[in-house]
Every structure is written in structure tokens, then in C-alpha cells.
Amino acid sequence: MSTVTSTPRTDLTPIDLGVGARFSLHPATDDVAGAALAAADRTRVDVRTDDLSTLVRGSEHDVLVFVHHVVAAAARVSGHVVAHVHLSRGCPGEVACTLPDDAVLADVDAPELPVTGLRAAAHWALYPLDDGRPGHVGDHMRAIEQAVAVARTRATVSPEHFVTRLDGDLAEVLGAVAAGWLAAGRHVRHVVAHATVSVGSPTRVAG
């Protein structure tokens, strides 16, 4: 019996193989971040800021409302602001978490964020992560497709390499990120979303 071995193709470029990265550089000043954080109501959330980022803990509703308020306040102070927003729901990899294996997170709807009049755009990525529960198999692509469908009801959605682009009022863009994140959480217990949100950018979109 002969064994058939496949010969690796060498004619594929890195682009053909889907290799790449997105990165952004955003010079920032302390006065903008400080003013925005000071303007937001933190009575319903726990907020901790260090030299890299600000951590906000609380209910999904309260966390999202706080982030929306801070980004809007920063945009009004500076005119142009970019925020990297990382949302996580579920425990794997958390520094401290007591969520038992059989715990079920409640279904949560995204909050209706107040319209700001600030036009925003975002590159959004969603990661439904299999949390390793016995007998649990996550359909990740289905969860992502459902989340994108939900986002379409809140903002203008268009595909990009490695991300999904969202356009609209800041409330619509962050609302779409939140709605997709929470929709995926109905099927997969651990879900992470990341969005780079730009408000007031002077850069023209290449056409």
C-alpha cells in the first residue's frame, strides 16, 4: 500500500495566506482622558486606571453606559479621539473568578444609548470562545454571523480584512458592538469583543 503525501504549495503569497495585522498609533494627552473620566458617573461601576488602560467592572448595562459617556466626553473635549474598547464576559483567563462550571450567565439586552450627534466609525472583532465545559461545543462562526446580523439593526456594517466596520452616531456604533457581544453570549458563555472606535477623524476614507 502506497502512502500519498501532499506537497506544500510555495506559490502562495502572505496575502493569499491571510497573514497581516492592523495597528494604530494615537498620541494622547492626560488632560483629555482625565477630563472625560471625571465627567462620567462612576457610582454604579468600579473604575481603576493605570498607565495602560482603564478597567471598568459592573453590570453589562452600567459598563457600556460608562464607556459611552467617557468616549463621548473625550470627543467633545478634543474634537478627535480614538478609543480601544475591550469587552469580556465569562471567566477563562481572568485573574480572579469564581464562576462554577455549571453556572449560566443571564441573557442581557444591550442598553439604548443616547444619541450624541457625534459621527463615529469602528473596526470591530468578536471572539466567541469555547470555555471548555464538558460536552460543550461552540459553533463560533454561527455566533459571529448572528452577532453581525444584530449589529446591522443598529449601525451601518461593512466587511473589512480581519474586522467588521461600523459607521453611525457614536451611540449606534457602540450599541452595535454591545448588541453583537451580548447576542453571542446567548450561545457561548465566554465572549470577547474588541473595537477601535474613532470619533471626529480628519482622515478621509479612501474610495
N, C-alpha and C. Protein backbone atom coordinates (compact mmCIF):
# COMPACT_ATOMS: atom_id res chain seq x y z
N MET A 1 0.85 -1.18 0.00
CA MET A 1 0.00 0.00 0.00
C MET A 1 0.90 1.24 0.00
N SER A 2 0.63 2.14 -0.93
CA SER A 2 1.43 3.35 -1.01
C SER A 2 0.77 4.46 -0.21
N THR A 3 1.58 5.33 0.31
CA THR A 3 1.08 6.47 1.07
C THR A 3 1.19 7.72 0.21
N VAL A 4 0.07 8.44 0.09
CA VAL A 4 0.06 9.65 -0.71
C VAL A 4 0.38 10.83 0.20
N THR A 5 1.39 11.57 -0.15
CA THR A 5 1.76 12.75 0.63
C THR A 5 1.54 13.98 -0.23
N SER A 6 1.05 15.02 0.39
CA SER A 6 0.82 16.26 -0.34
C SER A 6 2.06 17.14 -0.27
N THR A 7 2.33 17.81 -1.37
CA THR A 7 3.47 18.72 -1.43
C THR A 7 3.01 20.13 -1.10
N PRO A 8 3.61 20.75 -0.10
CA PRO A 8 3.18 22.11 0.25
C PRO A 8 3.35 23.06 -0.93
N ARG A 9 2.38 23.90 -1.15
CA ARG A 9 2.47 24.89 -2.21
C ARG A 9 3.40 26.02 -1.79
N THR A 10 4.21 26.44 -2.71
CA THR A 10 5.16 27.52 -2.42
C THR A 10 4.85 28.78 -3.21
N ASP A 11 3.76 28.75 -3.99
CA ASP A 11 3.44 29.90 -4.84
C ASP A 11 2.47 30.87 -4.18
N LEU A 12 2.08 30.58 -2.95
CA LEU A 12 1.12 31.44 -2.26
C LEU A 12 1.85 32.58 -1.54
N THR A 13 1.32 33.77 -1.71
CA THR A 13 1.90 34.92 -1.05
C THR A 13 1.35 35.05 0.37
N PRO A 14 1.99 35.85 1.22
CA PRO A 14 1.42 36.08 2.55
C PRO A 14 -0.01 36.60 2.50
N ILE A 15 -0.34 37.41 1.48
CA ILE A 15 -1.71 37.90 1.35
C ILE A 15 -2.66 36.74 1.05
N ASP A 16 -2.21 35.81 0.18
CA ASP A 16 -3.04 34.63 -0.11
C ASP A 16 -3.31 33.82 1.14
N LEU A 17 -2.35 33.81 2.05
CA LEU A 17 -2.47 33.01 3.27
C LEU A 17 -3.16 33.75 4.41
N GLY A 18 -3.58 34.99 4.15
CA GLY A 18 -4.32 35.74 5.17
C GLY A 18 -3.47 36.26 6.31
N VAL A 19 -2.18 36.49 6.04
CA VAL A 19 -1.29 36.99 7.08
C VAL A 19 -1.29 38.51 7.07
N GLY A 20 -1.41 39.11 8.23
CA GLY A 20 -1.41 40.56 8.29
C GLY A 20 -1.72 41.05 9.68
N ALA A 21 -1.72 42.33 9.85
CA ALA A 21 -2.02 42.94 11.14
C ALA A 21 -2.64 44.30 10.92
N ARG A 22 -3.39 44.74 11.91
CA ARG A 22 -3.86 46.11 11.95
C ARG A 22 -3.28 46.76 13.21
N PHE A 23 -2.73 47.97 13.07
CA PHE A 23 -2.32 48.69 14.26
C PHE A 23 -2.51 50.17 14.03
N SER A 24 -2.66 50.90 15.11
CA SER A 24 -2.86 52.34 15.05
C SER A 24 -2.01 52.99 16.13
N LEU A 25 -1.52 54.18 15.83
CA LEU A 25 -0.80 54.98 16.81
C LEU A 25 -1.64 56.20 17.15
N HIS A 26 -1.86 56.43 18.43
CA HIS A 26 -2.76 57.51 18.84
C HIS A 26 -2.11 58.34 19.93
N PRO A 27 -1.40 59.41 19.54
CA PRO A 27 -0.87 60.30 20.58
C PRO A 27 -2.00 60.81 21.45
N ALA A 28 -1.77 60.83 22.75
CA ALA A 28 -2.84 61.23 23.67
C ALA A 28 -2.27 62.17 24.72
N THR A 29 -3.12 62.94 25.33
CA THR A 29 -2.72 63.82 26.41
C THR A 29 -3.54 63.51 27.65
N ASP A 30 -2.93 63.66 28.82
CA ASP A 30 -3.59 63.31 30.07
C ASP A 30 -4.83 64.15 30.33
N ASP A 31 -4.82 65.41 29.88
CA ASP A 31 -5.94 66.26 30.23
C ASP A 31 -7.24 65.81 29.58
N VAL A 32 -7.17 65.27 28.35
CA VAL A 32 -8.37 64.79 27.68
C VAL A 32 -8.93 63.57 28.41
N ALA A 33 -8.07 62.58 28.65
CA ALA A 33 -8.53 61.36 29.33
C ALA A 33 -9.03 61.68 30.73
N GLY A 34 -8.30 62.51 31.44
CA GLY A 34 -8.70 62.84 32.81
C GLY A 34 -10.03 63.57 32.86
N ALA A 35 -10.21 64.52 31.95
CA ALA A 35 -11.46 65.28 31.92
C ALA A 35 -12.64 64.38 31.57
N ALA A 36 -12.43 63.46 30.62
CA ALA A 36 -13.51 62.57 30.22
C ALA A 36 -13.90 61.62 31.34
N LEU A 37 -12.90 61.06 32.02
CA LEU A 37 -13.18 60.14 33.12
C LEU A 37 -13.86 60.87 34.28
N ALA A 38 -13.43 62.09 34.53
CA ALA A 38 -14.02 62.86 35.63
C ALA A 38 -15.47 63.22 35.35
N ALA A 39 -15.84 63.33 34.06
CA ALA A 39 -17.20 63.75 33.70
C ALA A 39 -18.21 62.61 33.80
N ALA A 40 -17.73 61.37 33.84
CA ALA A 40 -18.63 60.21 33.82
C ALA A 40 -19.04 59.81 35.23
N ASP A 41 -20.29 59.41 35.37
CA ASP A 41 -20.82 58.95 36.66
C ASP A 41 -20.31 57.54 36.94
N ARG A 42 -19.55 57.38 38.01
CA ARG A 42 -18.98 56.08 38.34
C ARG A 42 -19.60 55.46 39.59
N THR A 43 -20.78 55.93 39.98
CA THR A 43 -21.39 55.43 41.20
C THR A 43 -21.87 53.99 41.06
N ARG A 44 -22.09 53.52 39.84
CA ARG A 44 -22.61 52.16 39.64
C ARG A 44 -21.56 51.20 39.09
N VAL A 45 -20.30 51.67 38.94
CA VAL A 45 -19.23 50.83 38.42
C VAL A 45 -17.98 50.99 39.26
N ASP A 46 -17.11 50.00 39.18
CA ASP A 46 -15.79 50.07 39.81
C ASP A 46 -14.79 50.44 38.72
N VAL A 47 -14.05 51.52 38.90
CA VAL A 47 -13.15 52.03 37.87
C VAL A 47 -11.73 52.09 38.41
N ARG A 48 -10.80 51.50 37.66
CA ARG A 48 -9.39 51.56 38.03
C ARG A 48 -8.57 51.91 36.80
N THR A 49 -7.76 52.97 36.91
CA THR A 49 -6.94 53.43 35.79
C THR A 49 -5.46 53.25 36.11
N ASP A 50 -4.70 52.71 35.13
CA ASP A 50 -3.25 52.62 35.28
C ASP A 50 -2.60 53.27 34.07
N ASP A 51 -1.31 52.99 33.86
CA ASP A 51 -0.58 53.65 32.78
C ASP A 51 -0.91 53.09 31.40
N LEU A 52 -1.69 52.00 31.33
CA LEU A 52 -2.03 51.39 30.06
C LEU A 52 -3.49 51.56 29.69
N SER A 53 -4.38 51.46 30.67
CA SER A 53 -5.80 51.47 30.33
C SER A 53 -6.64 51.74 31.58
N THR A 54 -7.93 51.81 31.37
CA THR A 54 -8.89 51.93 32.47
C THR A 54 -9.77 50.69 32.49
N LEU A 55 -9.84 50.05 33.64
CA LEU A 55 -10.68 48.86 33.83
C LEU A 55 -12.00 49.29 34.46
N VAL A 56 -13.10 48.85 33.88
CA VAL A 56 -14.42 49.16 34.41
C VAL A 56 -15.13 47.85 34.69
N ARG A 57 -15.62 47.66 35.92
CA ARG A 57 -16.33 46.44 36.29
C ARG A 57 -17.72 46.82 36.79
N GLY A 58 -18.69 45.99 36.45
CA GLY A 58 -20.07 46.22 36.86
C GLY A 58 -20.99 45.42 35.97
N SER A 59 -22.28 45.72 36.00
CA SER A 59 -23.21 45.03 35.11
C SER A 59 -22.93 45.42 33.66
N GLU A 60 -23.38 44.58 32.73
CA GLU A 60 -23.18 44.88 31.32
C GLU A 60 -23.74 46.26 30.98
N HIS A 61 -24.95 46.54 31.44
CA HIS A 61 -25.59 47.82 31.17
C HIS A 61 -24.76 48.99 31.69
N ASP A 62 -24.34 48.90 32.95
CA ASP A 62 -23.63 50.02 33.56
C ASP A 62 -22.24 50.22 32.95
N VAL A 63 -21.56 49.13 32.62
CA VAL A 63 -20.24 49.24 31.99
C VAL A 63 -20.35 49.92 30.63
N LEU A 64 -21.33 49.51 29.83
CA LEU A 64 -21.48 50.08 28.49
C LEU A 64 -21.89 51.55 28.54
N VAL A 65 -22.77 51.90 29.47
CA VAL A 65 -23.18 53.30 29.61
C VAL A 65 -21.98 54.15 30.01
N PHE A 66 -21.15 53.65 30.91
CA PHE A 66 -19.98 54.39 31.36
C PHE A 66 -19.00 54.61 30.21
N VAL A 67 -18.70 53.55 29.46
CA VAL A 67 -17.76 53.67 28.33
C VAL A 67 -18.28 54.67 27.31
N HIS A 68 -19.57 54.58 26.99
CA HIS A 68 -20.19 55.51 26.04
C HIS A 68 -20.03 56.96 26.51
N HIS A 69 -20.28 57.20 27.78
CA HIS A 69 -20.19 58.54 28.34
C HIS A 69 -18.76 59.07 28.25
N VAL A 70 -17.79 58.24 28.60
CA VAL A 70 -16.39 58.67 28.59
C VAL A 70 -15.91 58.98 27.18
N VAL A 71 -16.21 58.11 26.22
CA VAL A 71 -15.76 58.34 24.85
C VAL A 71 -16.40 59.61 24.28
N ALA A 72 -17.69 59.80 24.54
CA ALA A 72 -18.38 61.00 24.06
C ALA A 72 -17.78 62.25 24.68
N ALA A 73 -17.50 62.21 25.98
CA ALA A 73 -16.91 63.36 26.66
C ALA A 73 -15.53 63.68 26.11
N ALA A 74 -14.73 62.64 25.85
CA ALA A 74 -13.38 62.86 25.31
C ALA A 74 -13.45 63.47 23.92
N ALA A 75 -14.41 63.01 23.10
CA ALA A 75 -14.55 63.55 21.75
C ALA A 75 -14.95 65.01 21.78
N ARG A 76 -15.79 65.37 22.73
CA ARG A 76 -16.23 66.77 22.82
C ARG A 76 -15.10 67.68 23.31
N VAL A 77 -14.20 67.14 24.11
CA VAL A 77 -13.06 67.93 24.59
C VAL A 77 -12.00 68.10 23.51
N SER A 78 -11.68 67.01 22.82
CA SER A 78 -10.54 67.01 21.90
C SER A 78 -10.90 67.21 20.44
N GLY A 79 -12.17 66.97 20.08
CA GLY A 79 -12.57 67.05 18.67
C GLY A 79 -12.35 65.75 17.94
N HIS A 80 -11.21 65.10 18.12
CA HIS A 80 -10.94 63.79 17.52
C HIS A 80 -10.37 62.89 18.59
N VAL A 81 -10.98 61.74 18.77
CA VAL A 81 -10.49 60.79 19.76
C VAL A 81 -10.63 59.38 19.21
N VAL A 82 -9.70 58.52 19.60
CA VAL A 82 -9.77 57.10 19.26
C VAL A 82 -9.74 56.31 20.56
N ALA A 83 -10.65 55.37 20.68
CA ALA A 83 -10.72 54.54 21.88
C ALA A 83 -10.61 53.08 21.50
N HIS A 84 -9.77 52.35 22.19
CA HIS A 84 -9.70 50.90 22.05
C HIS A 84 -10.56 50.31 23.16
N VAL A 85 -11.64 49.65 22.79
CA VAL A 85 -12.61 49.13 23.76
C VAL A 85 -12.56 47.61 23.74
N HIS A 86 -12.32 47.02 24.88
CA HIS A 86 -12.23 45.56 25.02
C HIS A 86 -13.32 45.14 26.00
N LEU A 87 -14.23 44.30 25.54
CA LEU A 87 -15.33 43.82 26.38
C LEU A 87 -15.17 42.33 26.60
N SER A 88 -15.34 41.87 27.83
CA SER A 88 -15.24 40.44 28.12
C SER A 88 -16.38 40.03 29.04
N ARG A 89 -16.89 38.85 28.77
CA ARG A 89 -18.00 38.31 29.57
C ARG A 89 -17.77 36.80 29.71
N GLY A 90 -17.52 36.35 30.93
CA GLY A 90 -17.13 34.96 31.16
C GLY A 90 -15.76 34.94 31.81
N CYS A 91 -15.35 33.80 32.33
CA CYS A 91 -14.19 33.78 33.22
C CYS A 91 -12.86 33.25 32.71
N PRO A 92 -12.79 32.38 31.74
CA PRO A 92 -11.48 31.78 31.42
C PRO A 92 -10.39 32.83 31.21
N GLY A 93 -9.26 32.64 31.89
CA GLY A 93 -8.15 33.56 31.74
C GLY A 93 -8.22 34.77 32.65
N GLU A 94 -9.32 34.93 33.39
CA GLU A 94 -9.46 36.07 34.30
C GLU A 94 -8.51 35.90 35.49
N VAL A 95 -8.05 37.03 36.02
CA VAL A 95 -7.13 36.99 37.16
C VAL A 95 -7.78 36.31 38.37
N ALA A 96 -9.03 36.67 38.63
CA ALA A 96 -9.76 36.07 39.74
C ALA A 96 -11.21 35.90 39.33
N CYS A 97 -11.71 34.67 39.42
CA CYS A 97 -13.09 34.40 39.02
C CYS A 97 -13.57 33.16 39.74
N THR A 98 -14.79 33.21 40.24
CA THR A 98 -15.35 32.08 40.97
C THR A 98 -16.53 31.46 40.24
N LEU A 99 -16.67 31.74 38.94
CA LEU A 99 -17.80 31.20 38.18
C LEU A 99 -17.68 29.68 38.07
N PRO A 100 -18.62 28.93 38.63
CA PRO A 100 -18.56 27.47 38.54
C PRO A 100 -18.81 26.98 37.12
N ASP A 101 -18.38 25.74 36.84
CA ASP A 101 -18.53 25.19 35.50
C ASP A 101 -19.97 25.14 35.05
N ASP A 102 -20.91 24.92 35.99
CA ASP A 102 -22.31 24.76 35.60
C ASP A 102 -23.10 26.07 35.69
N ALA A 103 -22.41 27.19 35.93
CA ALA A 103 -23.11 28.47 36.02
C ALA A 103 -23.54 28.93 34.63
N VAL A 104 -24.69 29.56 34.56
CA VAL A 104 -25.22 30.08 33.30
C VAL A 104 -25.40 31.59 33.43
N LEU A 105 -24.79 32.35 32.53
CA LEU A 105 -24.96 33.79 32.55
C LEU A 105 -26.32 34.14 31.99
N ALA A 106 -26.97 35.14 32.56
CA ALA A 106 -28.30 35.54 32.12
C ALA A 106 -28.25 36.22 30.76
N ASP A 107 -29.33 36.06 29.98
CA ASP A 107 -29.46 36.80 28.73
C ASP A 107 -29.63 38.28 29.06
N VAL A 108 -28.87 39.11 28.40
CA VAL A 108 -28.90 40.55 28.66
C VAL A 108 -29.05 41.29 27.34
N ASP A 109 -29.93 42.27 27.30
CA ASP A 109 -30.08 43.11 26.12
C ASP A 109 -29.15 44.30 26.21
N ALA A 110 -28.68 44.77 25.05
CA ALA A 110 -27.83 45.95 25.02
C ALA A 110 -28.63 47.18 25.42
N PRO A 111 -28.01 48.11 26.14
CA PRO A 111 -28.73 49.32 26.54
C PRO A 111 -28.99 50.23 25.35
N GLU A 112 -30.02 51.04 25.44
CA GLU A 112 -30.28 52.07 24.43
C GLU A 112 -29.47 53.31 24.83
N LEU A 113 -28.39 53.54 24.14
CA LEU A 113 -27.51 54.65 24.46
C LEU A 113 -28.04 55.94 23.84
N PRO A 114 -27.93 57.06 24.53
CA PRO A 114 -28.45 58.31 23.99
C PRO A 114 -27.66 58.79 22.79
N VAL A 115 -28.37 59.26 21.77
CA VAL A 115 -27.72 59.78 20.56
C VAL A 115 -26.87 60.98 20.94
N THR A 116 -25.66 61.05 20.37
CA THR A 116 -24.70 62.10 20.75
C THR A 116 -24.56 63.20 19.69
N GLY A 117 -24.92 62.90 18.43
CA GLY A 117 -24.64 63.84 17.35
C GLY A 117 -23.19 63.76 16.90
N LEU A 118 -22.43 62.79 17.42
CA LEU A 118 -21.02 62.61 17.05
C LEU A 118 -20.91 61.43 16.09
N ARG A 119 -20.40 61.69 14.89
CA ARG A 119 -20.23 60.61 13.92
C ARG A 119 -19.02 59.77 14.29
N ALA A 120 -19.18 58.47 14.24
CA ALA A 120 -18.12 57.57 14.67
C ALA A 120 -17.96 56.42 13.67
N ALA A 121 -16.80 55.82 13.70
CA ALA A 121 -16.52 54.62 12.92
C ALA A 121 -15.74 53.67 13.81
N ALA A 122 -15.87 52.38 13.56
CA ALA A 122 -15.15 51.41 14.38
C ALA A 122 -14.74 50.21 13.56
N HIS A 123 -13.61 49.66 13.90
CA HIS A 123 -13.22 48.33 13.45
C HIS A 123 -13.51 47.39 14.63
N TRP A 124 -14.37 46.43 14.38
CA TRP A 124 -14.90 45.58 15.45
C TRP A 124 -14.56 44.12 15.17
N ALA A 125 -14.10 43.43 16.19
CA ALA A 125 -13.85 41.99 16.10
C ALA A 125 -14.49 41.30 17.30
N LEU A 126 -15.09 40.15 17.06
CA LEU A 126 -15.80 39.41 18.10
C LEU A 126 -15.20 38.02 18.22
N TYR A 127 -15.01 37.57 19.45
CA TYR A 127 -14.38 36.27 19.70
C TYR A 127 -15.23 35.44 20.65
N PRO A 128 -16.15 34.61 20.13
CA PRO A 128 -16.85 33.64 20.99
C PRO A 128 -15.89 32.49 21.29
N LEU A 129 -15.53 32.31 22.54
CA LEU A 129 -14.50 31.36 22.93
C LEU A 129 -15.11 30.15 23.61
N ASP A 130 -14.73 28.98 23.16
CA ASP A 130 -15.18 27.75 23.82
C ASP A 130 -14.59 27.72 25.22
N ASP A 131 -15.44 27.61 26.23
CA ASP A 131 -14.93 27.69 27.60
C ASP A 131 -14.57 26.34 28.20
N GLY A 132 -14.59 25.28 27.40
CA GLY A 132 -14.07 24.01 27.87
C GLY A 132 -14.99 23.21 28.77
N ARG A 133 -16.26 23.59 28.86
CA ARG A 133 -17.17 22.80 29.70
C ARG A 133 -17.36 21.41 29.09
N PRO A 134 -17.43 20.37 29.91
CA PRO A 134 -17.63 19.02 29.38
C PRO A 134 -18.89 18.94 28.51
N GLY A 135 -18.73 18.37 27.32
CA GLY A 135 -19.87 18.19 26.43
C GLY A 135 -20.29 19.45 25.70
N HIS A 136 -19.54 20.56 25.88
CA HIS A 136 -19.92 21.83 25.27
C HIS A 136 -19.08 22.07 24.02
N VAL A 137 -19.74 22.22 22.89
CA VAL A 137 -19.06 22.52 21.64
C VAL A 137 -19.65 23.80 21.08
N GLY A 138 -18.84 24.82 20.96
CA GLY A 138 -19.34 26.10 20.48
C GLY A 138 -19.29 26.20 18.96
N ASP A 139 -20.36 26.72 18.35
CA ASP A 139 -20.39 26.99 16.91
C ASP A 139 -19.99 28.46 16.76
N HIS A 140 -18.71 28.71 16.68
CA HIS A 140 -18.21 30.07 16.76
C HIS A 140 -18.61 30.92 15.56
N MET A 141 -18.50 30.37 14.37
CA MET A 141 -18.84 31.18 13.19
C MET A 141 -20.32 31.51 13.16
N ARG A 142 -21.15 30.60 13.58
CA ARG A 142 -22.58 30.90 13.63
C ARG A 142 -22.85 32.02 14.62
N ALA A 143 -22.19 31.97 15.77
CA ALA A 143 -22.37 33.02 16.77
C ALA A 143 -21.92 34.37 16.23
N ILE A 144 -20.81 34.39 15.49
CA ILE A 144 -20.31 35.63 14.91
C ILE A 144 -21.28 36.16 13.86
N GLU A 145 -21.78 35.28 12.99
CA GLU A 145 -22.72 35.71 11.95
C GLU A 145 -24.00 36.27 12.56
N GLN A 146 -24.48 35.65 13.63
CA GLN A 146 -25.67 36.16 14.30
C GLN A 146 -25.41 37.51 14.94
N ALA A 147 -24.21 37.69 15.49
CA ALA A 147 -23.86 38.96 16.12
C ALA A 147 -23.79 40.07 15.08
N VAL A 148 -23.23 39.77 13.91
CA VAL A 148 -23.15 40.77 12.84
C VAL A 148 -24.56 41.14 12.37
N ALA A 149 -25.44 40.15 12.27
CA ALA A 149 -26.83 40.43 11.88
C ALA A 149 -27.50 41.36 12.89
N VAL A 150 -27.24 41.15 14.16
CA VAL A 150 -27.80 42.02 15.20
C VAL A 150 -27.21 43.42 15.07
N ALA A 151 -25.90 43.51 14.83
CA ALA A 151 -25.25 44.82 14.69
C ALA A 151 -25.83 45.61 13.53
N ARG A 152 -26.25 44.93 12.46
CA ARG A 152 -26.81 45.61 11.30
C ARG A 152 -28.10 46.36 11.64
N THR A 153 -28.76 45.97 12.71
CA THR A 153 -30.00 46.66 13.09
C THR A 153 -29.72 47.97 13.82
N ARG A 154 -28.44 48.23 14.12
CA ARG A 154 -28.10 49.42 14.91
C ARG A 154 -27.16 50.38 14.19
N ALA A 155 -26.34 49.89 13.28
CA ALA A 155 -25.35 50.73 12.63
C ALA A 155 -25.13 50.25 11.20
N THR A 156 -24.42 51.05 10.41
CA THR A 156 -24.04 50.64 9.06
C THR A 156 -22.86 49.68 9.17
N VAL A 157 -22.99 48.50 8.59
CA VAL A 157 -22.00 47.44 8.73
C VAL A 157 -21.39 47.12 7.38
N SER A 158 -20.07 47.03 7.32
CA SER A 158 -19.40 46.64 6.08
C SER A 158 -18.19 45.76 6.42
N PRO A 159 -17.90 44.77 5.56
CA PRO A 159 -16.78 43.87 5.85
C PRO A 159 -15.44 44.53 5.53
N GLU A 160 -14.44 44.21 6.33
CA GLU A 160 -13.07 44.63 6.10
C GLU A 160 -12.17 43.44 6.42
N HIS A 161 -10.88 43.54 6.05
CA HIS A 161 -9.94 42.47 6.38
C HIS A 161 -9.76 42.40 7.89
N PHE A 162 -9.97 41.22 8.46
CA PHE A 162 -9.75 40.90 9.87
C PHE A 162 -10.76 41.53 10.81
N VAL A 163 -11.62 42.42 10.34
CA VAL A 163 -12.56 43.13 11.21
C VAL A 163 -13.86 43.39 10.46
N THR A 164 -14.85 43.86 11.18
CA THR A 164 -16.09 44.39 10.60
C THR A 164 -16.13 45.88 10.89
N ARG A 165 -16.44 46.68 9.85
CA ARG A 165 -16.50 48.13 10.04
C ARG A 165 -17.93 48.54 10.41
N LEU A 166 -18.02 49.45 11.39
CA LEU A 166 -19.29 50.00 11.82
C LEU A 166 -19.24 51.52 11.65
N ASP A 167 -20.33 52.11 11.15
CA ASP A 167 -20.41 53.56 10.99
C ASP A 167 -21.76 54.05 11.51
N GLY A 168 -21.76 55.25 12.08
CA GLY A 168 -23.00 55.85 12.56
C GLY A 168 -22.73 56.82 13.68
N ASP A 169 -23.78 57.25 14.35
CA ASP A 169 -23.60 58.02 15.58
C ASP A 169 -22.83 57.16 16.58
N LEU A 170 -22.09 57.81 17.46
CA LEU A 170 -21.33 57.06 18.47
C LEU A 170 -22.23 56.08 19.22
N ALA A 171 -23.45 56.50 19.53
CA ALA A 171 -24.38 55.62 20.24
C ALA A 171 -24.74 54.40 19.39
N GLU A 172 -24.88 54.58 18.08
CA GLU A 172 -25.21 53.47 17.20
C GLU A 172 -24.03 52.50 17.08
N VAL A 173 -22.83 53.05 16.97
CA VAL A 173 -21.64 52.21 16.81
C VAL A 173 -21.37 51.40 18.07
N LEU A 174 -21.33 52.07 19.23
CA LEU A 174 -21.11 51.33 20.47
C LEU A 174 -22.29 50.42 20.79
N GLY A 175 -23.49 50.85 20.42
CA GLY A 175 -24.66 49.99 20.62
C GLY A 175 -24.58 48.73 19.79
N ALA A 176 -24.05 48.84 18.56
CA ALA A 176 -23.88 47.66 17.71
C ALA A 176 -22.85 46.71 18.28
N VAL A 177 -21.72 47.26 18.78
CA VAL A 177 -20.70 46.43 19.41
C VAL A 177 -21.29 45.69 20.61
N ALA A 178 -22.03 46.42 21.43
CA ALA A 178 -22.63 45.82 22.63
C ALA A 178 -23.66 44.77 22.28
N ALA A 179 -24.52 45.08 21.30
CA ALA A 179 -25.59 44.15 20.93
C ALA A 179 -25.02 42.85 20.37
N GLY A 180 -23.99 42.96 19.53
CA GLY A 180 -23.37 41.76 18.98
C GLY A 180 -22.69 40.93 20.04
N TRP A 181 -22.00 41.60 20.95
CA TRP A 181 -21.31 40.92 22.06
C TRP A 181 -22.29 40.15 22.93
N LEU A 182 -23.40 40.79 23.28
CA LEU A 182 -24.38 40.14 24.15
C LEU A 182 -25.20 39.09 23.42
N ALA A 183 -25.42 39.29 22.11
CA ALA A 183 -26.13 38.27 21.34
C ALA A 183 -25.31 36.98 21.27
N ALA A 184 -24.01 37.10 21.06
CA ALA A 184 -23.15 35.91 21.02
C ALA A 184 -23.13 35.24 22.38
N GLY A 185 -23.25 36.04 23.45
CA GLY A 185 -23.25 35.48 24.79
C GLY A 185 -24.45 34.63 25.13
N ARG A 186 -25.47 34.67 24.27
CA ARG A 186 -26.62 33.79 24.49
C ARG A 186 -26.31 32.34 24.10
N HIS A 187 -25.24 32.16 23.32
CA HIS A 187 -24.91 30.82 22.83
C HIS A 187 -23.56 30.32 23.32
N VAL A 188 -22.65 31.23 23.61
CA VAL A 188 -21.31 30.87 24.07
C VAL A 188 -21.04 31.63 25.36
N ARG A 189 -20.63 30.93 26.40
CA ARG A 189 -20.55 31.56 27.71
C ARG A 189 -19.42 32.59 27.80
N HIS A 190 -18.30 32.34 27.16
CA HIS A 190 -17.19 33.30 27.22
C HIS A 190 -17.06 34.01 25.88
N VAL A 191 -17.31 35.31 25.86
CA VAL A 191 -17.27 36.10 24.63
C VAL A 191 -16.46 37.36 24.87
N VAL A 192 -15.55 37.63 23.95
CA VAL A 192 -14.73 38.84 24.00
C VAL A 192 -14.99 39.65 22.73
N ALA A 193 -15.11 40.95 22.88
CA ALA A 193 -15.24 41.84 21.73
C ALA A 193 -14.17 42.92 21.83
N HIS A 194 -13.64 43.30 20.68
CA HIS A 194 -12.67 44.39 20.64
C HIS A 194 -13.07 45.35 19.54
N ALA A 195 -13.04 46.64 19.86
CA ALA A 195 -13.38 47.65 18.86
C ALA A 195 -12.41 48.82 18.98
N THR A 196 -11.90 49.26 17.84
CA THR A 196 -11.17 50.52 17.76
C THR A 196 -12.15 51.55 17.22
N VAL A 197 -12.53 52.50 18.06
CA VAL A 197 -13.58 53.47 17.74
C VAL A 197 -12.94 54.83 17.51
N SER A 198 -13.25 55.44 16.37
CA SER A 198 -12.73 56.76 16.05
C SER A 198 -13.89 57.73 15.92
N VAL A 199 -13.77 58.86 16.60
CA VAL A 199 -14.79 59.91 16.57
C VAL A 199 -14.13 61.20 16.10
N GLY A 200 -14.69 61.81 15.07
CA GLY A 200 -14.18 63.10 14.60
C GLY A 200 -12.88 63.02 13.83
N SER A 201 -12.62 61.91 13.15
CA SER A 201 -11.36 61.76 12.43
C SER A 201 -11.26 62.72 11.26
N PRO A 202 -10.10 63.39 11.08
CA PRO A 202 -9.92 64.27 9.93
C PRO A 202 -9.49 63.50 8.67
N THR A 203 -9.23 62.19 8.82
CA THR A 203 -8.77 61.38 7.70
C THR A 203 -9.94 61.00 6.81
N ARG A 204 -9.79 61.21 5.51
CA ARG A 204 -10.82 60.84 4.56
C ARG A 204 -10.72 59.35 4.26
N VAL A 205 -11.87 58.71 4.11
CA VAL A 205 -11.91 57.30 3.76
C VAL A 205 -11.53 57.14 2.30
N ALA A 206 -10.55 56.28 2.02
CA ALA A 206 -10.11 56.06 0.64
C ALA A 206 -11.23 55.42 -0.16
N GLY A 207 -11.50 55.90 -1.34
CA GLY A 207 -12.57 55.35 -2.15
C GLY A 207 -12.09 54.76 -3.44
